[in-house]
Amino acid sequence: MTDEPVRILEIPEDQLTAEQKKVFDDLVAGRGRLLTPYKIWIHSPKLAAGMETIGTFLNKHGALTEREVELTIVIIASHWDGAYVQAAHVKACLRLGYPPEVMDAIKAGETPDLPDAREKAVYDLCRIAMAPGGGPDEVYDRAAELLGRDGLAEVLALLGYYSAVAMAMKLHRVPVPG
């Protein structure tokens, strides 16, 4: 991370437009506070509301396990060198029982040892989704079989959602929390 200033332009609560205030209130009611990416997205309140809907679904109500969700997030954060997102979600992965060696391998761009077939399918699907082209049929077909079409769709949506989070945090120079 750099010593350059954070680029987030926070809007004081008393200066929010009516539309921003409604989204702000909804976000705080649901999350207890305005999470950092939403400090960026609140400038476009419809975007912030839409991102919250997608993010909450993917993190809380989808077909993937919490471990699969967190693994996907760490993979895409590593892809974007999104240190803030990576730090937060590596911590979650470790809490969920992933060995540190798995997180180290992902960060180093190496293939981790994932004995769980679904988690291996998530990893392999992420890798082909982040590479040029459609990827091998075997990887795609195995992911569809093990995760279901709903799980496959959710992995891809997680990659997109957390790409937006990682890029926003990186470009706004948000420091990794101590």
N, C-alpha and C. Protein backbone atom coordinates (compact mmCIF):
# COMPACT_ATOMS: atom_id res chain seq x y z
N MET A 1 0.85 -1.19 0.00
CA MET A 1 0.00 0.00 0.00
C MET A 1 0.89 1.24 0.00
N THR A 2 0.35 2.29 -0.43
CA THR A 2 1.08 3.54 -0.59
C THR A 2 0.81 4.49 0.57
N ASP A 3 1.66 5.47 0.71
CA ASP A 3 1.43 6.51 1.73
C ASP A 3 0.62 7.67 1.16
N GLU A 4 0.15 7.51 -0.06
CA GLU A 4 -0.64 8.57 -0.68
C GLU A 4 -2.01 8.66 -0.01
N PRO A 5 -2.66 9.82 -0.10
CA PRO A 5 -3.93 10.01 0.60
C PRO A 5 -5.06 9.13 0.04
N VAL A 6 -5.96 8.75 0.93
CA VAL A 6 -7.15 8.02 0.55
C VAL A 6 -7.99 8.93 -0.34
N ARG A 7 -8.59 8.35 -1.38
CA ARG A 7 -9.34 9.14 -2.36
C ARG A 7 -10.85 9.15 -2.11
N ILE A 8 -11.31 8.47 -1.08
CA ILE A 8 -12.76 8.46 -0.83
C ILE A 8 -13.21 9.87 -0.47
N LEU A 9 -14.26 10.32 -1.13
CA LEU A 9 -14.88 11.60 -0.81
C LEU A 9 -16.12 11.28 0.01
N GLU A 10 -15.96 11.31 1.32
CA GLU A 10 -17.10 10.99 2.20
C GLU A 10 -18.07 12.16 2.20
N ILE A 11 -19.33 11.81 2.20
CA ILE A 11 -20.39 12.81 2.23
C ILE A 11 -20.92 12.87 3.66
N PRO A 12 -20.80 14.01 4.32
CA PRO A 12 -21.39 14.10 5.66
C PRO A 12 -22.88 13.76 5.60
N GLU A 13 -23.37 13.11 6.63
CA GLU A 13 -24.75 12.64 6.63
C GLU A 13 -25.74 13.77 6.38
N ASP A 14 -25.47 14.95 6.91
CA ASP A 14 -26.40 16.07 6.73
C ASP A 14 -26.32 16.69 5.33
N GLN A 15 -25.41 16.19 4.48
CA GLN A 15 -25.30 16.70 3.12
C GLN A 15 -25.74 15.68 2.07
N LEU A 16 -26.25 14.54 2.51
CA LEU A 16 -26.75 13.54 1.57
C LEU A 16 -28.03 14.03 0.91
N THR A 17 -28.20 13.70 -0.37
CA THR A 17 -29.47 13.99 -1.03
C THR A 17 -30.53 13.08 -0.40
N ALA A 18 -31.78 13.34 -0.68
CA ALA A 18 -32.86 12.50 -0.14
C ALA A 18 -32.68 11.04 -0.58
N GLU A 19 -32.32 10.83 -1.83
CA GLU A 19 -32.12 9.48 -2.33
C GLU A 19 -30.92 8.82 -1.66
N GLN A 20 -29.82 9.57 -1.52
CA GLN A 20 -28.64 9.03 -0.83
C GLN A 20 -28.96 8.73 0.64
N LYS A 21 -29.74 9.58 1.28
CA LYS A 21 -30.10 9.40 2.69
C LYS A 21 -30.91 8.12 2.88
N LYS A 22 -31.85 7.85 1.98
CA LYS A 22 -32.64 6.62 2.08
C LYS A 22 -31.74 5.41 1.96
N VAL A 23 -30.85 5.40 0.97
CA VAL A 23 -29.93 4.27 0.78
C VAL A 23 -29.00 4.16 1.99
N PHE A 24 -28.49 5.28 2.45
CA PHE A 24 -27.62 5.30 3.64
C PHE A 24 -28.34 4.66 4.83
N ASP A 25 -29.57 5.11 5.09
CA ASP A 25 -30.34 4.58 6.22
C ASP A 25 -30.59 3.08 6.07
N ASP A 26 -30.91 2.63 4.86
CA ASP A 26 -31.13 1.20 4.61
C ASP A 26 -29.86 0.40 4.85
N LEU A 27 -28.73 0.93 4.36
CA LEU A 27 -27.45 0.24 4.55
C LEU A 27 -27.08 0.13 6.03
N VAL A 28 -27.22 1.22 6.75
CA VAL A 28 -26.88 1.23 8.17
C VAL A 28 -27.83 0.32 8.95
N ALA A 29 -29.10 0.31 8.58
CA ALA A 29 -30.07 -0.56 9.26
C ALA A 29 -29.71 -2.02 9.05
N GLY A 30 -29.28 -2.37 7.85
CA GLY A 30 -28.96 -3.75 7.55
C GLY A 30 -27.60 -4.20 8.02
N ARG A 31 -26.62 -3.30 8.00
CA ARG A 31 -25.24 -3.66 8.30
C ARG A 31 -24.71 -3.09 9.61
N GLY A 32 -25.46 -2.16 10.20
CA GLY A 32 -25.01 -1.54 11.44
C GLY A 32 -24.10 -0.35 11.22
N ARG A 33 -23.59 -0.21 10.02
CA ARG A 33 -22.72 0.92 9.67
C ARG A 33 -22.61 0.98 8.16
N LEU A 34 -22.04 2.05 7.65
CA LEU A 34 -21.82 2.18 6.21
C LEU A 34 -20.46 1.56 5.90
N LEU A 35 -20.48 0.37 5.29
CA LEU A 35 -19.23 -0.31 4.95
C LEU A 35 -18.45 0.52 3.93
N THR A 36 -17.14 0.42 3.96
CA THR A 36 -16.27 1.28 3.17
C THR A 36 -16.61 1.31 1.68
N PRO A 37 -16.85 0.17 0.99
CA PRO A 37 -17.17 0.31 -0.43
C PRO A 37 -18.40 1.18 -0.69
N TYR A 38 -19.34 1.17 0.25
CA TYR A 38 -20.56 1.96 0.07
C TYR A 38 -20.31 3.45 0.26
N LYS A 39 -19.20 3.81 0.91
CA LYS A 39 -18.82 5.22 0.98
C LYS A 39 -18.42 5.72 -0.41
N ILE A 40 -17.97 4.80 -1.24
CA ILE A 40 -17.62 5.11 -2.63
C ILE A 40 -18.88 5.11 -3.48
N TRP A 41 -19.69 4.06 -3.34
CA TRP A 41 -20.85 3.87 -4.20
C TRP A 41 -22.04 4.76 -3.85
N ILE A 42 -22.09 5.33 -2.63
CA ILE A 42 -23.22 6.17 -2.22
C ILE A 42 -23.35 7.41 -3.11
N HIS A 43 -22.26 7.77 -3.79
CA HIS A 43 -22.33 8.90 -4.73
C HIS A 43 -23.29 8.60 -5.87
N SER A 44 -23.51 7.31 -6.12
CA SER A 44 -24.51 6.85 -7.08
C SER A 44 -25.48 5.97 -6.28
N PRO A 45 -26.50 6.56 -5.66
CA PRO A 45 -27.33 5.82 -4.73
C PRO A 45 -28.01 4.59 -5.31
N LYS A 46 -28.44 4.65 -6.55
CA LYS A 46 -29.05 3.46 -7.16
C LYS A 46 -28.02 2.33 -7.28
N LEU A 47 -26.80 2.69 -7.62
CA LEU A 47 -25.72 1.70 -7.68
C LEU A 47 -25.50 1.10 -6.29
N ALA A 48 -25.38 1.95 -5.28
CA ALA A 48 -25.15 1.46 -3.91
C ALA A 48 -26.26 0.51 -3.48
N ALA A 49 -27.49 0.85 -3.77
CA ALA A 49 -28.62 -0.01 -3.40
C ALA A 49 -28.56 -1.34 -4.15
N GLY A 50 -28.25 -1.29 -5.43
CA GLY A 50 -28.15 -2.51 -6.22
C GLY A 50 -27.00 -3.39 -5.75
N MET A 51 -25.87 -2.78 -5.46
CA MET A 51 -24.72 -3.55 -4.98
C MET A 51 -25.04 -4.20 -3.64
N GLU A 52 -25.76 -3.50 -2.80
CA GLU A 52 -26.14 -4.09 -1.50
C GLU A 52 -27.04 -5.30 -1.71
N THR A 53 -27.99 -5.20 -2.61
CA THR A 53 -28.88 -6.33 -2.89
C THR A 53 -28.08 -7.53 -3.37
N ILE A 54 -27.20 -7.31 -4.32
CA ILE A 54 -26.38 -8.40 -4.86
C ILE A 54 -25.45 -8.95 -3.78
N GLY A 55 -24.75 -8.06 -3.09
CA GLY A 55 -23.79 -8.49 -2.08
C GLY A 55 -24.43 -9.28 -0.95
N THR A 56 -25.56 -8.82 -0.47
CA THR A 56 -26.25 -9.53 0.61
C THR A 56 -26.72 -10.90 0.14
N PHE A 57 -27.27 -10.97 -1.06
CA PHE A 57 -27.69 -12.27 -1.58
C PHE A 57 -26.50 -13.22 -1.67
N LEU A 58 -25.43 -12.78 -2.31
CA LEU A 58 -24.28 -13.66 -2.52
C LEU A 58 -23.64 -14.11 -1.21
N ASN A 59 -23.60 -13.23 -0.24
CA ASN A 59 -22.94 -13.54 1.03
C ASN A 59 -23.83 -14.28 2.02
N LYS A 60 -25.15 -14.15 1.89
CA LYS A 60 -26.02 -14.68 2.95
C LYS A 60 -27.10 -15.66 2.47
N HIS A 61 -27.48 -15.61 1.20
CA HIS A 61 -28.67 -16.36 0.79
C HIS A 61 -28.47 -17.26 -0.43
N GLY A 62 -27.25 -17.38 -0.91
CA GLY A 62 -27.00 -18.15 -2.11
C GLY A 62 -26.84 -19.64 -1.85
N ALA A 63 -26.50 -20.37 -2.89
CA ALA A 63 -26.36 -21.83 -2.84
C ALA A 63 -24.98 -22.27 -2.36
N LEU A 64 -24.02 -21.36 -2.36
CA LEU A 64 -22.66 -21.71 -1.96
C LEU A 64 -22.50 -21.69 -0.45
N THR A 65 -21.58 -22.52 0.05
CA THR A 65 -21.28 -22.49 1.48
C THR A 65 -20.49 -21.23 1.81
N GLU A 66 -20.42 -20.88 3.07
CA GLU A 66 -19.63 -19.73 3.49
C GLU A 66 -18.16 -19.91 3.10
N ARG A 67 -17.66 -21.13 3.23
CA ARG A 67 -16.27 -21.40 2.84
C ARG A 67 -16.06 -21.16 1.34
N GLU A 68 -17.01 -21.60 0.52
CA GLU A 68 -16.89 -21.42 -0.92
C GLU A 68 -16.96 -19.94 -1.30
N VAL A 69 -17.83 -19.20 -0.64
CA VAL A 69 -17.94 -17.76 -0.89
C VAL A 69 -16.62 -17.08 -0.53
N GLU A 70 -16.11 -17.35 0.65
CA GLU A 70 -14.88 -16.69 1.10
C GLU A 70 -13.69 -17.08 0.23
N LEU A 71 -13.61 -18.34 -0.19
CA LEU A 71 -12.54 -18.77 -1.08
C LEU A 71 -12.59 -17.97 -2.39
N THR A 72 -13.77 -17.84 -2.95
CA THR A 72 -13.93 -17.08 -4.20
C THR A 72 -13.47 -15.65 -4.02
N ILE A 73 -13.82 -15.04 -2.90
CA ILE A 73 -13.45 -13.65 -2.65
C ILE A 73 -11.93 -13.50 -2.56
N VAL A 74 -11.27 -14.42 -1.86
CA VAL A 74 -9.82 -14.35 -1.74
C VAL A 74 -9.16 -14.52 -3.10
N ILE A 75 -9.69 -15.41 -3.92
CA ILE A 75 -9.12 -15.63 -5.26
C ILE A 75 -9.21 -14.37 -6.09
N ILE A 76 -10.37 -13.72 -6.14
CA ILE A 76 -10.51 -12.53 -6.98
C ILE A 76 -9.77 -11.34 -6.39
N ALA A 77 -9.72 -11.24 -5.06
CA ALA A 77 -8.94 -10.15 -4.44
C ALA A 77 -7.46 -10.30 -4.78
N SER A 78 -6.98 -11.54 -4.79
CA SER A 78 -5.58 -11.78 -5.16
C SER A 78 -5.35 -11.42 -6.64
N HIS A 79 -6.30 -11.77 -7.48
CA HIS A 79 -6.20 -11.45 -8.90
C HIS A 79 -6.02 -9.95 -9.11
N TRP A 80 -6.77 -9.14 -8.37
CA TRP A 80 -6.73 -7.69 -8.52
C TRP A 80 -5.69 -7.04 -7.61
N ASP A 81 -4.95 -7.83 -6.86
CA ASP A 81 -4.01 -7.30 -5.88
C ASP A 81 -4.73 -6.32 -4.96
N GLY A 82 -5.92 -6.73 -4.56
CA GLY A 82 -6.76 -5.90 -3.69
C GLY A 82 -6.47 -6.21 -2.23
N ALA A 83 -5.45 -5.58 -1.70
CA ALA A 83 -4.94 -5.90 -0.37
C ALA A 83 -6.00 -5.77 0.73
N TYR A 84 -6.84 -4.76 0.66
CA TYR A 84 -7.86 -4.55 1.69
C TYR A 84 -8.83 -5.72 1.73
N VAL A 85 -9.38 -6.07 0.56
CA VAL A 85 -10.35 -7.16 0.47
C VAL A 85 -9.66 -8.48 0.81
N GLN A 86 -8.46 -8.67 0.31
CA GLN A 86 -7.74 -9.90 0.56
C GLN A 86 -7.50 -10.09 2.07
N ALA A 87 -7.04 -9.06 2.74
CA ALA A 87 -6.75 -9.18 4.18
C ALA A 87 -8.00 -9.57 4.96
N ALA A 88 -9.11 -8.91 4.68
CA ALA A 88 -10.34 -9.18 5.42
C ALA A 88 -10.83 -10.60 5.18
N HIS A 89 -10.74 -11.07 3.95
CA HIS A 89 -11.32 -12.36 3.61
C HIS A 89 -10.36 -13.53 3.83
N VAL A 90 -9.06 -13.28 3.82
CA VAL A 90 -8.12 -14.32 4.26
C VAL A 90 -8.39 -14.62 5.73
N LYS A 91 -8.60 -13.58 6.51
CA LYS A 91 -8.92 -13.75 7.93
C LYS A 91 -10.17 -14.61 8.10
N ALA A 92 -11.19 -14.35 7.29
CA ALA A 92 -12.42 -15.15 7.35
C ALA A 92 -12.14 -16.60 6.95
N CYS A 93 -11.33 -16.80 5.91
CA CYS A 93 -11.00 -18.17 5.48
C CYS A 93 -10.27 -18.93 6.58
N LEU A 94 -9.34 -18.28 7.23
CA LEU A 94 -8.61 -18.94 8.31
C LEU A 94 -9.56 -19.29 9.45
N ARG A 95 -10.49 -18.39 9.76
CA ARG A 95 -11.49 -18.66 10.80
C ARG A 95 -12.37 -19.85 10.42
N LEU A 96 -12.60 -20.03 9.13
CA LEU A 96 -13.45 -21.12 8.64
C LEU A 96 -12.68 -22.44 8.48
N GLY A 97 -11.39 -22.43 8.81
CA GLY A 97 -10.62 -23.67 8.82
C GLY A 97 -9.70 -23.92 7.65
N TYR A 98 -9.59 -22.98 6.73
CA TYR A 98 -8.61 -23.16 5.66
C TYR A 98 -7.21 -23.07 6.26
N PRO A 99 -6.30 -23.94 5.84
CA PRO A 99 -4.93 -23.83 6.32
C PRO A 99 -4.24 -22.58 5.74
N PRO A 100 -3.35 -21.97 6.50
CA PRO A 100 -2.63 -20.80 5.99
C PRO A 100 -1.92 -21.08 4.66
N GLU A 101 -1.48 -22.32 4.45
CA GLU A 101 -0.78 -22.67 3.21
C GLU A 101 -1.67 -22.47 1.98
N VAL A 102 -2.96 -22.70 2.15
CA VAL A 102 -3.89 -22.49 1.03
C VAL A 102 -3.95 -21.00 0.69
N MET A 103 -4.06 -20.17 1.69
CA MET A 103 -4.12 -18.73 1.45
C MET A 103 -2.80 -18.23 0.86
N ASP A 104 -1.68 -18.74 1.37
CA ASP A 104 -0.36 -18.35 0.85
C ASP A 104 -0.21 -18.73 -0.62
N ALA A 105 -0.67 -19.93 -0.98
CA ALA A 105 -0.58 -20.39 -2.37
C ALA A 105 -1.39 -19.49 -3.29
N ILE A 106 -2.61 -19.16 -2.88
CA ILE A 106 -3.46 -18.30 -3.71
C ILE A 106 -2.79 -16.94 -3.89
N LYS A 107 -2.29 -16.38 -2.81
CA LYS A 107 -1.64 -15.07 -2.89
C LYS A 107 -0.42 -15.10 -3.81
N ALA A 108 0.30 -16.23 -3.81
CA ALA A 108 1.50 -16.39 -4.64
C ALA A 108 1.17 -16.78 -6.08
N GLY A 109 -0.11 -16.96 -6.40
CA GLY A 109 -0.49 -17.36 -7.74
C GLY A 109 -0.25 -18.83 -8.03
N GLU A 110 -0.14 -19.62 -6.97
CA GLU A 110 0.08 -21.06 -7.10
C GLU A 110 -1.22 -21.80 -6.83
N THR A 111 -1.31 -23.03 -7.30
CA THR A 111 -2.50 -23.84 -7.09
C THR A 111 -2.48 -24.41 -5.68
N PRO A 112 -3.51 -24.10 -4.88
CA PRO A 112 -3.54 -24.61 -3.50
C PRO A 112 -4.00 -26.06 -3.44
N ASP A 113 -3.68 -26.72 -2.35
CA ASP A 113 -4.17 -28.07 -2.10
C ASP A 113 -5.57 -27.94 -1.49
N LEU A 114 -6.57 -28.31 -2.26
CA LEU A 114 -7.96 -28.23 -1.83
C LEU A 114 -8.58 -29.63 -1.93
N PRO A 115 -8.57 -30.41 -0.85
CA PRO A 115 -9.09 -31.78 -0.91
C PRO A 115 -10.60 -31.87 -1.13
N ASP A 116 -11.37 -30.85 -0.74
CA ASP A 116 -12.81 -30.85 -0.94
C ASP A 116 -13.11 -30.63 -2.42
N ALA A 117 -13.86 -31.54 -3.03
CA ALA A 117 -14.13 -31.49 -4.48
C ALA A 117 -14.86 -30.21 -4.89
N ARG A 118 -15.82 -29.76 -4.10
CA ARG A 118 -16.55 -28.53 -4.44
C ARG A 118 -15.63 -27.32 -4.37
N GLU A 119 -14.80 -27.25 -3.33
CA GLU A 119 -13.89 -26.12 -3.20
C GLU A 119 -12.85 -26.12 -4.31
N LYS A 120 -12.40 -27.29 -4.73
CA LYS A 120 -11.47 -27.40 -5.86
C LYS A 120 -12.18 -26.95 -7.14
N ALA A 121 -13.45 -27.31 -7.28
CA ALA A 121 -14.22 -26.87 -8.45
C ALA A 121 -14.37 -25.35 -8.47
N VAL A 122 -14.61 -24.76 -7.29
CA VAL A 122 -14.70 -23.29 -7.19
C VAL A 122 -13.39 -22.67 -7.64
N TYR A 123 -12.28 -23.17 -7.11
CA TYR A 123 -10.96 -22.62 -7.46
C TYR A 123 -10.73 -22.73 -8.97
N ASP A 124 -10.94 -23.92 -9.52
CA ASP A 124 -10.68 -24.13 -10.94
C ASP A 124 -11.59 -23.27 -11.82
N LEU A 125 -12.84 -23.13 -11.43
CA LEU A 125 -13.77 -22.28 -12.18
C LEU A 125 -13.30 -20.83 -12.14
N CYS A 126 -12.89 -20.36 -10.97
CA CYS A 126 -12.38 -18.99 -10.86
C CYS A 126 -11.19 -18.78 -11.79
N ARG A 127 -10.28 -19.72 -11.79
CA ARG A 127 -9.07 -19.59 -12.61
C ARG A 127 -9.43 -19.48 -14.10
N ILE A 128 -10.33 -20.33 -14.58
CA ILE A 128 -10.66 -20.23 -16.02
C ILE A 128 -11.49 -19.00 -16.31
N ALA A 129 -12.30 -18.56 -15.35
CA ALA A 129 -13.11 -17.36 -15.57
C ALA A 129 -12.23 -16.11 -15.65
N MET A 130 -11.11 -16.11 -14.93
CA MET A 130 -10.22 -14.94 -14.91
C MET A 130 -9.23 -14.95 -16.07
N ALA A 131 -9.17 -16.04 -16.83
CA ALA A 131 -8.24 -16.16 -17.95
C ALA A 131 -8.96 -15.88 -19.26
N PRO A 132 -8.21 -15.56 -20.31
CA PRO A 132 -8.85 -15.36 -21.61
C PRO A 132 -9.52 -16.65 -22.11
N GLY A 133 -10.57 -16.50 -22.86
CA GLY A 133 -11.25 -17.63 -23.46
C GLY A 133 -12.24 -18.30 -22.53
N GLY A 134 -12.87 -19.34 -23.04
CA GLY A 134 -13.92 -20.03 -22.30
C GLY A 134 -13.44 -21.13 -21.37
N GLY A 135 -12.18 -21.47 -21.44
CA GLY A 135 -11.65 -22.50 -20.55
C GLY A 135 -12.03 -23.90 -20.99
N PRO A 136 -11.38 -24.89 -20.40
CA PRO A 136 -11.64 -26.28 -20.78
C PRO A 136 -13.03 -26.76 -20.36
N ASP A 137 -13.66 -27.55 -21.22
CA ASP A 137 -14.97 -28.11 -20.93
C ASP A 137 -14.96 -28.94 -19.65
N GLU A 138 -13.87 -29.68 -19.42
CA GLU A 138 -13.81 -30.55 -18.24
C GLU A 138 -13.97 -29.75 -16.95
N VAL A 139 -13.30 -28.60 -16.88
CA VAL A 139 -13.36 -27.76 -15.68
C VAL A 139 -14.76 -27.19 -15.52
N TYR A 140 -15.30 -26.66 -16.60
CA TYR A 140 -16.64 -26.08 -16.58
C TYR A 140 -17.69 -27.13 -16.20
N ASP A 141 -17.61 -28.28 -16.86
CA ASP A 141 -18.60 -29.34 -16.63
C ASP A 141 -18.52 -29.87 -15.19
N ARG A 142 -17.31 -30.01 -14.66
CA ARG A 142 -17.16 -30.48 -13.28
C ARG A 142 -17.74 -29.46 -12.30
N ALA A 143 -17.50 -28.17 -12.56
CA ALA A 143 -18.05 -27.13 -11.69
C ALA A 143 -19.58 -27.14 -11.75
N ALA A 144 -20.14 -27.26 -12.95
CA ALA A 144 -21.60 -27.30 -13.09
C ALA A 144 -22.19 -28.50 -12.38
N GLU A 145 -21.52 -29.64 -12.47
CA GLU A 145 -22.01 -30.85 -11.82
C GLU A 145 -21.92 -30.75 -10.29
N LEU A 146 -20.79 -30.29 -9.79
CA LEU A 146 -20.59 -30.26 -8.34
C LEU A 146 -21.29 -29.10 -7.65
N LEU A 147 -21.32 -27.95 -8.29
CA LEU A 147 -21.89 -26.75 -7.67
C LEU A 147 -23.33 -26.52 -8.08
N GLY A 148 -23.77 -27.18 -9.14
CA GLY A 148 -25.08 -26.89 -9.71
C GLY A 148 -24.97 -25.63 -10.56
N ARG A 149 -25.95 -25.46 -11.42
CA ARG A 149 -25.94 -24.25 -12.26
C ARG A 149 -26.11 -22.99 -11.43
N ASP A 150 -26.85 -23.11 -10.31
CA ASP A 150 -27.01 -21.94 -9.44
C ASP A 150 -25.68 -21.59 -8.78
N GLY A 151 -24.97 -22.57 -8.28
CA GLY A 151 -23.66 -22.32 -7.66
C GLY A 151 -22.66 -21.77 -8.65
N LEU A 152 -22.68 -22.31 -9.87
CA LEU A 152 -21.79 -21.82 -10.91
C LEU A 152 -22.08 -20.34 -11.19
N ALA A 153 -23.35 -20.01 -11.35
CA ALA A 153 -23.72 -18.62 -11.60
C ALA A 153 -23.29 -17.71 -10.44
N GLU A 154 -23.43 -18.21 -9.21
CA GLU A 154 -23.07 -17.39 -8.05
C GLU A 154 -21.57 -17.17 -7.94
N VAL A 155 -20.76 -18.18 -8.29
CA VAL A 155 -19.30 -17.97 -8.30
C VAL A 155 -18.96 -16.85 -9.27
N LEU A 156 -19.55 -16.88 -10.46
CA LEU A 156 -19.26 -15.85 -11.46
C LEU A 156 -19.72 -14.47 -10.98
N ALA A 157 -20.89 -14.41 -10.34
CA ALA A 157 -21.37 -13.13 -9.82
C ALA A 157 -20.48 -12.63 -8.68
N LEU A 158 -20.00 -13.55 -7.82
CA LEU A 158 -19.06 -13.16 -6.76
C LEU A 158 -17.79 -12.57 -7.36
N LEU A 159 -17.29 -13.19 -8.43
CA LEU A 159 -16.09 -12.66 -9.08
C LEU A 159 -16.32 -11.23 -9.56
N GLY A 160 -17.48 -10.97 -10.14
CA GLY A 160 -17.78 -9.62 -10.61
C GLY A 160 -17.98 -8.64 -9.46
N TYR A 161 -18.78 -9.04 -8.48
CA TYR A 161 -19.06 -8.15 -7.35
C TYR A 161 -17.77 -7.79 -6.61
N TYR A 162 -16.98 -8.80 -6.29
CA TYR A 162 -15.76 -8.53 -5.51
C TYR A 162 -14.63 -7.97 -6.36
N SER A 163 -14.73 -8.08 -7.69
CA SER A 163 -13.81 -7.31 -8.54
C SER A 163 -14.11 -5.83 -8.34
N ALA A 164 -15.39 -5.48 -8.34
CA ALA A 164 -15.79 -4.09 -8.13
C ALA A 164 -15.33 -3.60 -6.76
N VAL A 165 -15.49 -4.42 -5.73
CA VAL A 165 -15.06 -4.03 -4.38
C VAL A 165 -13.55 -3.86 -4.35
N ALA A 166 -12.81 -4.85 -4.83
CA ALA A 166 -11.35 -4.80 -4.78
C ALA A 166 -10.79 -3.61 -5.56
N MET A 167 -11.34 -3.38 -6.76
CA MET A 167 -10.87 -2.25 -7.57
C MET A 167 -11.21 -0.92 -6.90
N ALA A 168 -12.41 -0.82 -6.35
CA ALA A 168 -12.81 0.43 -5.70
C ALA A 168 -11.90 0.74 -4.51
N MET A 169 -11.63 -0.27 -3.70
CA MET A 169 -10.79 -0.06 -2.52
C MET A 169 -9.35 0.27 -2.93
N LYS A 170 -8.85 -0.42 -3.95
CA LYS A 170 -7.49 -0.20 -4.42
C LYS A 170 -7.35 1.20 -5.03
N LEU A 171 -8.26 1.56 -5.91
CA LEU A 171 -8.16 2.85 -6.59
C LEU A 171 -8.42 4.03 -5.66
N HIS A 172 -9.16 3.77 -4.59
CA HIS A 172 -9.41 4.84 -3.61
C HIS A 172 -8.37 4.83 -2.50
N ARG A 173 -7.36 3.96 -2.65
CA ARG A 173 -6.22 3.89 -1.72
C ARG A 173 -6.65 3.67 -0.28
N VAL A 174 -7.63 2.81 -0.08
CA VAL A 174 -8.09 2.53 1.27
C VAL A 174 -7.04 1.64 1.95
N PRO A 175 -6.50 2.08 3.07
CA PRO A 175 -5.45 1.29 3.73
C PRO A 175 -6.02 0.02 4.35
N VAL A 176 -5.19 -1.01 4.38
CA VAL A 176 -5.58 -2.27 5.00
C VAL A 176 -5.66 -2.02 6.50
N PRO A 177 -6.78 -2.42 7.13
CA PRO A 177 -6.90 -2.19 8.57
C PRO A 177 -5.83 -2.98 9.33
N GLY A 178 -5.36 -2.39 10.41
CA GLY A 178 -4.33 -3.04 11.25
C GLY A 178 -4.92 -4.19 11.95
